[in-house]
Amino acid sequence: MEKSISAINEIRGSQKSEINKLVEDNQKLVKLAQDNERTIKTLELEKSNLISKNEEINFELKNTLSKLRLKEESLTFTIRQLDDLKLVNIKNTNTLKDKELHINNLINENSNLNQFLQKEKSLRNEADKNIERLQNNVSDRQKEIERLIRELDNCQRNGNRLSDEKYVLESESQKLKNHIFILTEQNEKVNYINFFLYIFL
């Protein structure tokens, strides 16, 4: 009987130990389940945060893509403008070369004109000198004519008194008249040349 009780007590002790162990294991499982539940909640919160962040990132990515597209369009437009500016620059460069060539031609023409003007100036100075010489010659001839006229007048006055030399005096008078006539014609020609040079020079 005592053995039976002892065996029962052992069985009870063993069962109690198993129950205690089960209770302890159950508590561990409950704690583990609670920890797992907290972990799950934490993970779900992190998941929710990650989803929100992912949505924000997607939104920012869309905005960035839109901005990139705008920048790409702007870059394409800028490249097109640069190409247009290159063409304009090439055209301006060619125009500048043409202008420089035209300027060089004008410089050469101006140099030629200056040489021509210097030559014309030299010719005009020479013509002025010739005119001055001709005027001096005319003046000298005019003085000679006046002198001859005075001599003629003297001869005519003396002719009345020198009847014997009348024929000679008349002959000399005729010669003087012819000479005066020739000098007068030459004087008129010189005046005409002087007038012509004055008009055209």
Foldseek 3Di string as FASTA:
>chain_A
DVVVVVVVVVVVVVVVVVVVVVVVVVVVVVVVVVVVVVVVVVVVVVVVVVVVVVVVVVVVVVVVVVVVVVVVVVVVVVVVVVVVVVVVVVVVVVVVVVVVVVVVVVVVVVVVVVVVVVVVVVVLVVVVVVLVVLVVVLVVLVVVLVVLVVVLVVLVVVCVVCVVCVVVSVVVNVVSVVVSVVSVVVSVVSVVVSVVSVVPD
